[in-house]
Amino acid sequence: MASQHVFLFIISVIAGYLLKVYINFKSCEYCDENWIALNVKGLEEDFTKKLFGQHIASEVIIKALKGSLSNPDPKKPLTMSLHGNSGTGKNFISRLVAQNLYRKGLYSQYIHVFVSTLHFPHVQFIDRYQNNLQTWIRGNVSLCAQSMFIFDEMDKMHPGLINAIKPFLDYSSDVDKVDYRKAIFIFLSNTGGDKISEFTLSVLMNGKARESITLSQLEEELSSTVFNNNNSGFWQTDLIQHNLIDHFIPFLPLEFKHVESCVRAEIASRDKKINESIVTTIASSMVYYPEERLLSQKGCKTVASKVNLYF
């Protein structure tokens, strides 16, 4: 009887060990094309069905990713700076890119998100933050050349801190024997959002469609705005002076119809039946400006919480 108990104990230990091995195997991730590959069709479909009112961002980001990732020998890392007011989709579009590039999406060990107020809160520790940031980026790109780094709340980052990563964004085949040219850097910022909103409003007030707005109409002024704004995180930065940011991408303020689309998407994501009366009610509860109620004050930022009141 005792021997039987011992046998069962050994079997349970082995089973537990095999289960751990299986779980570890299932959760593993490798830096190769099986785990990292751009799903262009999937990204295009996500932008069409889930991202609203951002024709410039959709077009530029898809082209930038396709161009950079299809090049076996890029000249530098892909570096994009996304600008616009809160609720216009900057964080959301970063998530969609991650989901269509890495099999594990934002859960990939090769995606690194930095939030200024969380990771770099104290101005007196800038030197330490710079060293830590360089060490983190160097170490992770050493492990996987196609790492992605997302810097959120750039408008709250202390000026000068971001200069620490300049060597990694430059046109160099390697820095201290590490090649950074296949990495991706994405910066998210509210800086320039007011300028973008003013321009968009003037276009709409003149009877033109928002789709008539082009990147060239906003990109240069956007670059100048963030460079000269001491609250932008890019104030007087070497990254802009040396043209190391490939694309300054404006996110336009959303109109009522776009908020309605966000409400429908949120309801659908919960597998609930879409009631157009409720959609209109929720969208109408948002704050718009000017008196003509052309643009949403908060974009789609509070849509989920509003939907909670009905489902």
C-alpha atoms as a PDB file:
ATOM      1  CA  MET A   1       0.000   0.000   0.000  1.00  0.00           C
ATOM      2  CA  ALA A   2       2.834   2.367   0.925  1.00  0.00           C
ATOM      3  CA  SER A   3       4.603   1.607  -2.333  1.00  0.00           C
ATOM      4  CA  GLN A   4       1.404   2.440  -4.201  1.00  0.00           C
ATOM      5  CA  HIS A   5       1.228   5.825  -2.456  1.00  0.00           C
ATOM      6  CA  VAL A   6       4.858   6.486  -3.328  1.00  0.00           C
ATOM      7  CA  PHE A   7       4.183   5.536  -6.936  1.00  0.00           C
ATOM      8  CA  LEU A   8       1.169   7.861  -7.118  1.00  0.00           C
ATOM      9  CA  PHE A   9       3.215  10.647  -5.536  1.00  0.00           C
ATOM     10  CA  ILE A  10       5.979  10.221  -8.120  1.00  0.00           C
ATOM     11  CA  ILE A  11       3.413  10.214 -10.929  1.00  0.00           C
ATOM     12  CA  SER A  12       1.827  13.424  -9.603  1.00  0.00           C
ATOM     13  CA  VAL A  13       5.245  15.106  -9.380  1.00  0.00           C
ATOM     14  CA  ILE A  14       6.097  14.074 -12.941  1.00  0.00           C
ATOM     15  CA  ALA A  15       2.675  15.216 -14.152  1.00  0.00           C
ATOM     16  CA  GLY A  16       3.151  18.562 -12.431  1.00  0.00           C
ATOM     17  CA  TYR A  17       6.582  18.949 -13.982  1.00  0.00           C
ATOM     18  CA  LEU A  18       5.293  18.092 -17.458  1.00  0.00           C
ATOM     19  CA  LEU A  19       2.439  20.561 -17.012  1.00  0.00           C
ATOM     20  CA  LYS A  20       4.905  23.315 -16.153  1.00  0.00           C
ATOM     21  CA  VAL A  21       7.018  22.419 -19.186  1.00  0.00           C
ATOM     22  CA  TYR A  22       3.898  22.491 -21.373  1.00  0.00           C
ATOM     23  CA  ILE A  23       2.808  25.874 -19.991  1.00  0.00           C
ATOM     24  CA  ASN A  24       6.279  27.315 -20.466  1.00  0.00           C
ATOM     25  CA  PHE A  25       6.384  25.946 -24.001  1.00  0.00           C
ATOM     26  CA  LYS A  26       2.983  27.430 -24.824  1.00  0.00           C
ATOM     27  CA  SER A  27       3.955  30.804 -23.396  1.00  0.00           C
ATOM     28  CA  CYS A  28       7.377  31.009 -25.034  1.00  0.00           C
ATOM     29  CA  GLU A  29       8.153  33.597 -27.669  1.00  0.00           C
ATOM     30  CA  TYR A  30      11.005  33.878 -30.124  1.00  0.00           C
ATOM     31  CA  CYS A  31      12.476  36.728 -32.096  1.00  0.00           C
ATOM     32  CA  ASP A  32      11.794  35.314 -35.554  1.00  0.00           C
ATOM     33  CA  GLU A  33       9.308  35.549 -38.420  1.00  0.00           C
ATOM     34  CA  ASN A  34       7.001  33.029 -36.760  1.00  0.00           C
ATOM     35  CA  TRP A  35       6.427  35.464 -33.917  1.00  0.00           C
ATOM     36  CA  ILE A  36       7.112  38.830 -35.515  1.00  0.00           C
ATOM     37  CA  ALA A  37       5.613  39.517 -38.940  1.00  0.00           C
ATOM     38  CA  LEU A  38       3.487  42.401 -40.160  1.00  0.00           C
ATOM     39  CA  ASN A  39      -0.062  41.351 -41.026  1.00  0.00           C
ATOM     40  CA  VAL A  40      -0.728  44.142 -43.510  1.00  0.00           C
ATOM     41  CA  LYS A  41      -4.238  42.993 -44.413  1.00  0.00           C
ATOM     42  CA  GLY A  42      -5.182  42.594 -40.765  1.00  0.00           C
ATOM     43  CA  LEU A  43      -3.842  46.043 -39.915  1.00  0.00           C
ATOM     44  CA  GLU A  44      -5.708  47.640 -42.815  1.00  0.00           C
ATOM     45  CA  GLU A  45      -8.939  45.938 -41.756  1.00  0.00           C
ATOM     46  CA  ASP A  46      -8.473  47.029 -38.133  1.00  0.00           C
ATOM     47  CA  PHE A  47      -7.865  50.619 -39.192  1.00  0.00           C
ATOM     48  CA  THR A  48     -10.999  50.530 -41.352  1.00  0.00           C
ATOM     49  CA  LYS A  49     -13.289  48.892 -38.794  1.00  0.00           C
ATOM     50  CA  LYS A  50     -11.930  50.169 -35.476  1.00  0.00           C
ATOM     51  CA  LEU A  51     -10.158  53.495 -36.055  1.00  0.00           C
ATOM     52  CA  PHE A  52     -12.320  56.448 -37.021  1.00  0.00           C
ATOM     53  CA  GLY A  53     -11.565  59.847 -38.500  1.00  0.00           C
ATOM     54  CA  GLN A  54      -7.811  59.386 -38.878  1.00  0.00           C
ATOM     55  CA  HIS A  55      -7.175  59.069 -42.611  1.00  0.00           C
ATOM     56  CA  ILE A  56      -3.704  60.648 -42.394  1.00  0.00           C
ATOM     57  CA  ALA A  57      -2.485  58.453 -39.535  1.00  0.00           C
ATOM     58  CA  SER A  58      -3.862  55.274 -41.125  1.00  0.00           C
ATOM     59  CA  GLU A  59      -2.187  55.866 -44.467  1.00  0.00           C
ATOM     60  CA  VAL A  60       1.166  57.085 -43.149  1.00  0.00           C
ATOM     61  CA  ILE A  61       1.603  54.401 -40.495  1.00  0.00           C
ATOM     62  CA  ILE A  62       0.790  51.510 -42.840  1.00  0.00           C
ATOM     63  CA  LYS A  63       3.163  52.808 -45.506  1.00  0.00           C
ATOM     64  CA  ALA A  64       5.896  53.503 -42.960  1.00  0.00           C
ATOM     65  CA  LEU A  65       5.662  50.017 -41.456  1.00  0.00           C
ATOM     66  CA  LYS A  66       5.541  48.259 -44.828  1.00  0.00           C
ATOM     67  CA  GLY A  67       8.499  50.245 -46.125  1.00  0.00           C
ATOM     68  CA  SER A  68      10.662  49.747 -43.060  1.00  0.00           C
ATOM     69  CA  LEU A  69       9.865  46.100 -42.326  1.00  0.00           C
ATOM     70  CA  SER A  70      10.170  44.950 -45.943  1.00  0.00           C
ATOM     71  CA  ASN A  71      13.674  46.414 -46.186  1.00  0.00           C
ATOM     72  CA  PRO A  72      16.287  43.802 -45.182  1.00  0.00           C
ATOM     73  CA  ASP A  73      18.854  46.550 -44.651  1.00  0.00           C
ATOM     74  CA  PRO A  74      17.142  49.713 -43.298  1.00  0.00           C
ATOM     75  CA  LYS A  75      19.220  52.844 -42.840  1.00  0.00           C
ATOM     76  CA  LYS A  76      17.852  53.595 -39.367  1.00  0.00           C
ATOM     77  CA  PRO A  77      15.124  52.540 -36.915  1.00  0.00           C
ATOM     78  CA  LEU A  78      11.567  53.509 -37.817  1.00  0.00           C
ATOM     79  CA  THR A  79      10.691  56.470 -35.605  1.00  0.00           C
ATOM     80  CA  MET A  80       7.182  57.961 -35.506  1.00  0.00           C
ATOM     81  CA  SER A  81       5.785  60.728 -33.319  1.00  0.00           C
ATOM     82  CA  LEU A  82       1.981  60.749 -32.947  1.00  0.00           C
ATOM     83  CA  HIS A  83       0.327  64.019 -31.955  1.00  0.00           C
ATOM     84  CA  GLY A  84      -3.209  65.020 -31.094  1.00  0.00           C
ATOM     85  CA  ASN A  85      -5.591  65.735 -28.281  1.00  0.00           C
ATOM     86  CA  SER A  86      -6.746  63.067 -25.858  1.00  0.00           C
ATOM     87  CA  GLY A  87      -9.237  60.525 -27.191  1.00  0.00           C
ATOM     88  CA  THR A  88      -8.252  60.745 -30.848  1.00  0.00           C
ATOM     89  CA  GLY A  89      -6.690  57.267 -31.030  1.00  0.00           C
ATOM     90  CA  LYS A  90      -2.929  57.552 -30.469  1.00  0.00           C
ATOM     91  CA  ASN A  91      -2.725  54.797 -27.848  1.00  0.00           C
ATOM     92  CA  PHE A  92      -5.322  52.742 -29.669  1.00  0.00           C
ATOM     93  CA  ILE A  93      -3.455  52.787 -32.962  1.00  0.00           C
ATOM     94  CA  SER A  94      -0.256  51.716 -31.157  1.00  0.00           C
ATOM     95  CA  ARG A  95      -2.169  48.724 -29.791  1.00  0.00           C
ATOM     96  CA  LEU A  96      -3.453  47.807 -33.261  1.00  0.00           C
ATOM     97  CA  VAL A  97       0.089  47.979 -34.672  1.00  0.00           C
ATOM     98  CA  ALA A  98       1.349  45.729 -31.882  1.00  0.00           C
ATOM     99  CA  GLN A  99      -1.448  43.197 -32.431  1.00  0.00           C
ATOM    100  CA  ASN A 100      -0.716  42.954 -36.146  1.00  0.00           C
ATOM    101  CA  LEU A 101       3.062  42.815 -35.848  1.00  0.00           C
ATOM    102  CA  TYR A 102       3.672  40.604 -32.809  1.00  0.00           C
ATOM    103  CA  ARG A 103       1.757  37.377 -32.287  1.00  0.00           C
ATOM    104  CA  LYS A 104       1.381  38.220 -28.602  1.00  0.00           C
ATOM    105  CA  GLY A 105       0.401  41.820 -29.259  1.00  0.00           C
ATOM    106  CA  LEU A 106       1.112  44.155 -26.357  1.00  0.00           C
ATOM    107  CA  TYR A 107       1.900  41.097 -24.222  1.00  0.00           C
ATOM    108  CA  SER A 108       4.987  40.434 -26.324  1.00  0.00           C
ATOM    109  CA  GLN A 109       8.235  40.560 -24.400  1.00  0.00           C
ATOM    110  CA  TYR A 110       9.645  42.555 -27.313  1.00  0.00           C
ATOM    111  CA  ILE A 111       7.325  45.534 -26.767  1.00  0.00           C
ATOM    112  CA  HIS A 112       8.351  48.078 -24.147  1.00  0.00           C
ATOM    113  CA  VAL A 113       6.042  50.871 -23.000  1.00  0.00           C
ATOM    114  CA  PHE A 114       7.315  53.863 -21.053  1.00  0.00           C
ATOM    115  CA  VAL A 115       4.876  56.286 -19.410  1.00  0.00           C
ATOM    116  CA  SER A 116       6.557  59.550 -18.470  1.00  0.00           C
ATOM    117  CA  THR A 117       4.687  60.173 -15.233  1.00  0.00           C
ATOM    118  CA  LEU A 118       5.239  56.579 -14.109  1.00  0.00           C
ATOM    119  CA  HIS A 119       8.773  55.770 -15.226  1.00  0.00           C
ATOM    120  CA  PHE A 120      10.384  59.246 -15.171  1.00  0.00           C
ATOM    121  CA  PRO A 121       8.519  61.220 -12.472  1.00  0.00           C
ATOM    122  CA  HIS A 122      11.324  63.191 -10.785  1.00  0.00           C
ATOM    123  CA  VAL A 123      13.338  65.878 -12.565  1.00  0.00           C
ATOM    124  CA  GLN A 124      16.271  65.520 -10.156  1.00  0.00           C
ATOM    125  CA  PHE A 125      16.874  61.962 -11.350  1.00  0.00           C
ATOM    126  CA  ILE A 126      17.175  62.702 -15.083  1.00  0.00           C
ATOM    127  CA  ASP A 127      20.778  61.477 -15.274  1.00  0.00           C
ATOM    128  CA  ARG A 128      19.770  58.188 -13.677  1.00  0.00           C
ATOM    129  CA  TYR A 129      16.749  57.872 -15.988  1.00  0.00           C
ATOM    130  CA  GLN A 130      18.941  58.478 -19.039  1.00  0.00           C
ATOM    131  CA  ASN A 131      21.396  55.765 -18.012  1.00  0.00           C
ATOM    132  CA  ASN A 132      18.612  53.311 -17.180  1.00  0.00           C
ATOM    133  CA  LEU A 133      16.852  54.029 -20.471  1.00  0.00           C
ATOM    134  CA  GLN A 134      19.988  53.468 -22.516  1.00  0.00           C
ATOM    135  CA  THR A 135      20.742  50.250 -20.650  1.00  0.00           C
ATOM    136  CA  TRP A 136      17.186  48.946 -21.114  1.00  0.00           C
ATOM    137  CA  ILE A 137      17.063  49.704 -24.848  1.00  0.00           C
ATOM    138  CA  ARG A 138      20.557  48.352 -25.478  1.00  0.00           C
ATOM    139  CA  GLY A 139      19.839  45.141 -23.593  1.00  0.00           C
ATOM    140  CA  ASN A 140      16.500  44.446 -25.254  1.00  0.00           C
ATOM    141  CA  VAL A 141      17.607  45.211 -28.799  1.00  0.00           C
ATOM    142  CA  SER A 142      20.551  42.882 -28.161  1.00  0.00           C
ATOM    143  CA  LEU A 143      17.969  40.161 -27.461  1.00  0.00           C
ATOM    144  CA  CYS A 144      15.707  41.054 -30.381  1.00  0.00           C
ATOM    145  CA  ALA A 145      16.540  43.478 -33.177  1.00  0.00           C
ATOM    146  CA  GLN A 146      12.834  43.983 -33.948  1.00  0.00           C
ATOM    147  CA  SER A 147      11.940  45.364 -30.552  1.00  0.00           C
ATOM    148  CA  MET A 148       9.335  48.123 -30.257  1.00  0.00           C
ATOM    149  CA  PHE A 149       9.569  51.017 -27.790  1.00  0.00           C
ATOM    150  CA  ILE A 150       6.514  53.166 -27.065  1.00  0.00           C
ATOM    151  CA  PHE A 151       6.916  56.417 -25.131  1.00  0.00           C
ATOM    152  CA  ASP A 152       3.585  57.672 -23.812  1.00  0.00           C
ATOM    153  CA  GLU A 153       2.881  61.145 -22.389  1.00  0.00           C
ATOM    154  CA  MET A 154       5.822  62.768 -24.157  1.00  0.00           C
ATOM    155  CA  ASP A 155       4.257  66.134 -23.317  1.00  0.00           C
ATOM    156  CA  LYS A 156       4.910  65.357 -19.637  1.00  0.00           C
ATOM    157  CA  MET A 157       8.501  64.177 -20.094  1.00  0.00           C
ATOM    158  CA  HIS A 158      11.277  66.342 -18.720  1.00  0.00           C
ATOM    159  CA  PRO A 159      13.105  68.217 -21.518  1.00  0.00           C
ATOM    160  CA  GLY A 160      16.431  66.678 -22.414  1.00  0.00           C
ATOM    161  CA  LEU A 161      15.665  63.186 -21.147  1.00  0.00           C
ATOM    162  CA  ILE A 162      14.793  61.806 -24.575  1.00  0.00           C
ATOM    163  CA  ASN A 163      18.196  62.910 -25.944  1.00  0.00           C
ATOM    164  CA  ALA A 164      19.579  59.815 -24.228  1.00  0.00           C
ATOM    165  CA  ILE A 165      18.322  57.622 -27.056  1.00  0.00           C
ATOM    166  CA  LYS A 166      19.721  59.732 -29.915  1.00  0.00           C
ATOM    167  CA  PRO A 167      22.618  57.320 -30.627  1.00  0.00           C
ATOM    168  CA  PHE A 168      20.114  54.489 -31.156  1.00  0.00           C
ATOM    169  CA  LEU A 169      18.028  56.423 -33.700  1.00  0.00           C
ATOM    170  CA  ASP A 170      20.875  57.637 -35.871  1.00  0.00           C
ATOM    171  CA  TYR A 171      22.065  56.360 -39.248  1.00  0.00           C
ATOM    172  CA  SER A 172      24.541  53.845 -37.824  1.00  0.00           C
ATOM    173  CA  SER A 173      24.992  50.167 -38.606  1.00  0.00           C
ATOM    174  CA  ASP A 174      25.775  49.534 -34.951  1.00  0.00           C
ATOM    175  CA  VAL A 175      26.391  51.271 -31.640  1.00  0.00           C
ATOM    176  CA  ASP A 176      28.772  49.376 -29.363  1.00  0.00           C
ATOM    177  CA  LYS A 177      28.242  46.275 -31.537  1.00  0.00           C
ATOM    178  CA  VAL A 178      24.426  46.443 -31.326  1.00  0.00           C
ATOM    179  CA  ASP A 179      22.385  47.080 -34.483  1.00  0.00           C
ATOM    180  CA  TYR A 180      19.274  49.186 -33.801  1.00  0.00           C
ATOM    181  CA  ARG A 181      18.109  49.690 -37.398  1.00  0.00           C
ATOM    182  CA  LYS A 182      15.258  47.161 -37.223  1.00  0.00           C
ATOM    183  CA  ALA A 183      13.783  48.530 -34.002  1.00  0.00           C
ATOM    184  CA  ILE A 184      10.671  50.704 -33.903  1.00  0.00           C
ATOM    185  CA  PHE A 185      10.228  53.793 -31.740  1.00  0.00           C
ATOM    186  CA  ILE A 186       6.800  55.391 -31.268  1.00  0.00           C
ATOM    187  CA  PHE A 187       6.232  58.610 -29.332  1.00  0.00           C
ATOM    188  CA  LEU A 188       2.750  59.669 -28.162  1.00  0.00           C
ATOM    189  CA  SER A 189       2.034  63.278 -27.270  1.00  0.00           C
ATOM    190  CA  ASN A 190      -0.788  65.787 -26.811  1.00  0.00           C
ATOM    191  CA  THR A 191       1.568  68.591 -27.857  1.00  0.00           C
ATOM    192  CA  GLY A 192       0.350  70.220 -31.045  1.00  0.00           C
ATOM    193  CA  GLY A 193      -3.182  68.981 -30.478  1.00  0.00           C
ATOM    194  CA  ASP A 194      -4.582  72.523 -30.230  1.00  0.00           C
ATOM    195  CA  LYS A 195      -2.921  73.520 -33.517  1.00  0.00           C
ATOM    196  CA  ILE A 196      -4.302  70.429 -35.227  1.00  0.00           C
ATOM    197  CA  SER A 197      -7.788  71.142 -33.861  1.00  0.00           C
ATOM    198  CA  GLU A 198      -7.689  74.775 -34.965  1.00  0.00           C
ATOM    199  CA  PHE A 199      -6.663  73.804 -38.483  1.00  0.00           C
ATOM    200  CA  THR A 200      -9.281  71.050 -38.702  1.00  0.00           C
ATOM    201  CA  LEU A 201     -12.002  73.393 -37.462  1.00  0.00           C
ATOM    202  CA  SER A 202     -11.091  76.033 -40.037  1.00  0.00           C
ATOM    203  CA  VAL A 203     -11.302  73.417 -42.802  1.00  0.00           C
ATOM    204  CA  LEU A 204     -14.739  72.243 -41.664  1.00  0.00           C
ATOM    205  CA  MET A 205     -16.041  75.794 -41.165  1.00  0.00           C
ATOM    206  CA  ASN A 206     -15.066  76.537 -44.758  1.00  0.00           C
ATOM    207  CA  GLY A 207     -17.245  73.687 -45.945  1.00  0.00           C
ATOM    208  CA  LYS A 208     -14.416  71.301 -46.821  1.00  0.00           C
ATOM    209  CA  ALA A 209     -14.184  67.636 -45.811  1.00  0.00           C
ATOM    210  CA  ARG A 210     -11.647  66.586 -43.209  1.00  0.00           C
ATOM    211  CA  GLU A 211     -10.340  64.060 -45.768  1.00  0.00           C
ATOM    212  CA  SER A 212      -9.014  67.014 -47.768  1.00  0.00           C
ATOM    213  CA  ILE A 213      -6.441  67.658 -45.025  1.00  0.00           C
ATOM    214  CA  THR A 214      -3.002  66.328 -45.954  1.00  0.00           C
ATOM    215  CA  LEU A 215       0.078  65.451 -43.951  1.00  0.00           C
ATOM    216  CA  SER A 216       2.125  68.176 -45.653  1.00  0.00           C
ATOM    217  CA  GLN A 217      -0.269  70.833 -44.340  1.00  0.00           C
ATOM    218  CA  LEU A 218       0.467  69.924 -40.730  1.00  0.00           C
ATOM    219  CA  GLU A 219       3.756  68.036 -40.412  1.00  0.00           C
ATOM    220  CA  GLU A 220       6.223  70.933 -40.640  1.00  0.00           C
ATOM    221  CA  GLU A 221       4.318  73.123 -38.184  1.00  0.00           C
ATOM    222  CA  LEU A 222       3.928  70.135 -35.878  1.00  0.00           C
ATOM    223  CA  SER A 223       7.681  69.532 -35.871  1.00  0.00           C
ATOM    224  CA  SER A 224       8.326  73.212 -35.124  1.00  0.00           C
ATOM    225  CA  THR A 225       5.709  73.284 -32.356  1.00  0.00           C
ATOM    226  CA  VAL A 226       7.101  70.342 -30.412  1.00  0.00           C
ATOM    227  CA  PHE A 227      10.691  71.545 -30.843  1.00  0.00           C
ATOM    228  CA  ASN A 228       9.955  75.003 -29.446  1.00  0.00           C
ATOM    229  CA  ASN A 229       7.543  73.968 -26.689  1.00  0.00           C
ATOM    230  CA  ASN A 230       9.378  73.396 -23.401  1.00  0.00           C
ATOM    231  CA  ASN A 231       6.537  71.145 -22.241  1.00  0.00           C
ATOM    232  CA  SER A 232       6.689  68.780 -25.209  1.00  0.00           C
ATOM    233  CA  GLY A 233       9.482  66.406 -24.146  1.00  0.00           C
ATOM    234  CA  PHE A 234      11.097  67.250 -27.500  1.00  0.00           C
ATOM    235  CA  TRP A 235      12.069  70.799 -26.516  1.00  0.00           C
ATOM    236  CA  GLN A 236      15.300  71.730 -28.320  1.00  0.00           C
ATOM    237  CA  THR A 237      15.989  68.016 -28.692  1.00  0.00           C
ATOM    238  CA  ASP A 238      18.777  66.571 -30.829  1.00  0.00           C
ATOM    239  CA  LEU A 239      16.267  64.112 -32.275  1.00  0.00           C
ATOM    240  CA  ILE A 240      14.535  66.909 -34.182  1.00  0.00           C
ATOM    241  CA  GLN A 241      17.648  68.980 -34.868  1.00  0.00           C
ATOM    242  CA  HIS A 242      19.249  65.988 -36.570  1.00  0.00           C
ATOM    243  CA  ASN A 243      16.049  64.896 -38.357  1.00  0.00           C
ATOM    244  CA  LEU A 244      15.919  61.536 -36.601  1.00  0.00           C
ATOM    245  CA  ILE A 245      12.119  61.385 -36.314  1.00  0.00           C
ATOM    246  CA  ASP A 246      10.845  59.980 -39.587  1.00  0.00           C
ATOM    247  CA  HIS A 247       7.209  61.014 -39.321  1.00  0.00           C
ATOM    248  CA  PHE A 248       5.269  63.563 -37.298  1.00  0.00           C
ATOM    249  CA  ILE A 249       1.729  62.254 -37.558  1.00  0.00           C
ATOM    250  CA  PRO A 250      -1.292  64.414 -36.684  1.00  0.00           C
ATOM    251  CA  PHE A 251      -4.422  62.910 -35.131  1.00  0.00           C
ATOM    252  CA  LEU A 252      -7.418  65.027 -36.035  1.00  0.00           C
ATOM    253  CA  PRO A 253     -10.187  65.868 -33.559  1.00  0.00           C
ATOM    254  CA  LEU A 254     -13.273  63.697 -34.000  1.00  0.00           C
ATOM    255  CA  GLU A 255     -16.705  64.701 -35.245  1.00  0.00           C
ATOM    256  CA  PHE A 256     -20.072  63.520 -33.966  1.00  0.00           C
ATOM    257  CA  LYS A 257     -20.263  60.765 -36.596  1.00  0.00           C
ATOM    258  CA  HIS A 258     -16.910  59.374 -35.460  1.00  0.00           C
ATOM    259  CA  VAL A 259     -18.027  59.283 -31.833  1.00  0.00           C
ATOM    260  CA  GLU A 260     -21.120  57.383 -32.971  1.00  0.00           C
ATOM    261  CA  SER A 261     -18.842  54.868 -34.717  1.00  0.00           C
ATOM    262  CA  CYS A 262     -16.808  54.489 -31.513  1.00  0.00           C
ATOM    263  CA  VAL A 263     -20.004  53.795 -29.574  1.00  0.00           C
ATOM    264  CA  ARG A 264     -21.088  51.124 -32.077  1.00  0.00           C
ATOM    265  CA  ALA A 265     -17.657  49.488 -31.965  1.00  0.00           C
ATOM    266  CA  GLU A 266     -17.687  49.445 -28.159  1.00  0.00           C
ATOM    267  CA  ILE A 267     -21.163  47.895 -28.035  1.00  0.00           C
ATOM    268  CA  ALA A 268     -20.202  45.306 -30.658  1.00  0.00           C
ATOM    269  CA  SER A 269     -17.061  44.402 -28.697  1.00  0.00           C
ATOM    270  CA  ARG A 270     -19.361  43.368 -25.837  1.00  0.00           C
ATOM    271  CA  ASP A 271     -21.462  41.158 -28.141  1.00  0.00           C
ATOM    272  CA  LYS A 272     -24.497  43.347 -27.541  1.00  0.00           C
ATOM    273  CA  LYS A 273     -27.159  44.257 -30.081  1.00  0.00           C
ATOM    274  CA  ILE A 274     -26.631  47.738 -31.476  1.00  0.00           C
ATOM    275  CA  ASN A 275     -29.560  50.064 -30.859  1.00  0.00           C
ATOM    276  CA  GLU A 276     -29.174  53.228 -32.943  1.00  0.00           C
ATOM    277  CA  SER A 277     -31.277  55.228 -30.513  1.00  0.00           C
ATOM    278  CA  ILE A 278     -28.863  54.377 -27.699  1.00  0.00           C
ATOM    279  CA  VAL A 279     -25.892  55.081 -29.972  1.00  0.00           C
ATOM    280  CA  THR A 280     -27.198  58.569 -30.698  1.00  0.00           C
ATOM    281  CA  THR A 281     -28.025  59.192 -27.035  1.00  0.00           C
ATOM    282  CA  ILE A 282     -24.534  58.215 -25.876  1.00  0.00           C
ATOM    283  CA  ALA A 283     -22.787  60.202 -28.610  1.00  0.00           C
ATOM    284  CA  SER A 284     -24.980  63.227 -27.861  1.00  0.00           C
ATOM    285  CA  SER A 285     -23.997  63.138 -24.186  1.00  0.00           C
ATOM    286  CA  MET A 286     -20.411  64.065 -25.085  1.00  0.00           C
ATOM    287  CA  VAL A 287     -19.146  67.652 -25.091  1.00  0.00           C
ATOM    288  CA  TYR A 288     -18.656  69.296 -28.498  1.00  0.00           C
ATOM    289  CA  TYR A 289     -17.406  72.643 -29.758  1.00  0.00           C
ATOM    290  CA  PRO A 290     -17.877  75.301 -31.066  1.00  0.00           C
ATOM    291  CA  GLU A 291     -21.547  76.296 -30.954  1.00  0.00           C
ATOM    292  CA  GLU A 292     -22.120  74.303 -34.128  1.00  0.00           C
ATOM    293  CA  ARG A 293     -21.029  71.194 -32.195  1.00  0.00           C
ATOM    294  CA  LEU A 294     -18.646  70.151 -34.934  1.00  0.00           C
ATOM    295  CA  LEU A 295     -15.870  68.521 -32.904  1.00  0.00           C
ATOM    296  CA  SER A 296     -15.767  66.318 -29.825  1.00  0.00           C
ATOM    297  CA  GLN A 297     -13.919  67.769 -26.829  1.00  0.00           C
ATOM    298  CA  LYS A 298     -12.670  64.377 -25.587  1.00  0.00           C
ATOM    299  CA  GLY A 299     -12.872  62.305 -28.748  1.00  0.00           C
ATOM    300  CA  CYS A 300     -13.783  58.724 -27.864  1.00  0.00           C
ATOM    301  CA  LYS A 301     -11.948  58.666 -24.538  1.00  0.00           C
ATOM    302  CA  THR A 302     -15.014  58.248 -22.305  1.00  0.00           C
ATOM    303  CA  VAL A 303     -17.127  56.148 -24.659  1.00  0.00           C
ATOM    304  CA  ALA A 304     -16.578  52.876 -22.751  1.00  0.00           C
ATOM    305  CA  SER A 305     -17.694  54.393 -19.441  1.00  0.00           C
ATOM    306  CA  LYS A 306     -20.772  55.903 -21.104  1.00  0.00           C
ATOM    307  CA  VAL A 307     -21.694  52.541 -22.636  1.00  0.00           C
ATOM    308  CA  ASN A 308     -21.501  51.018 -19.141  1.00  0.00           C
ATOM    309  CA  LEU A 309     -24.595  52.991 -18.237  1.00  0.00           C
ATOM    310  CA  TYR A 310     -26.665  51.126 -20.840  1.00  0.00           C
ATOM    311  CA  PHE A 311     -25.227  47.589 -20.847  1.00  0.00           C
END
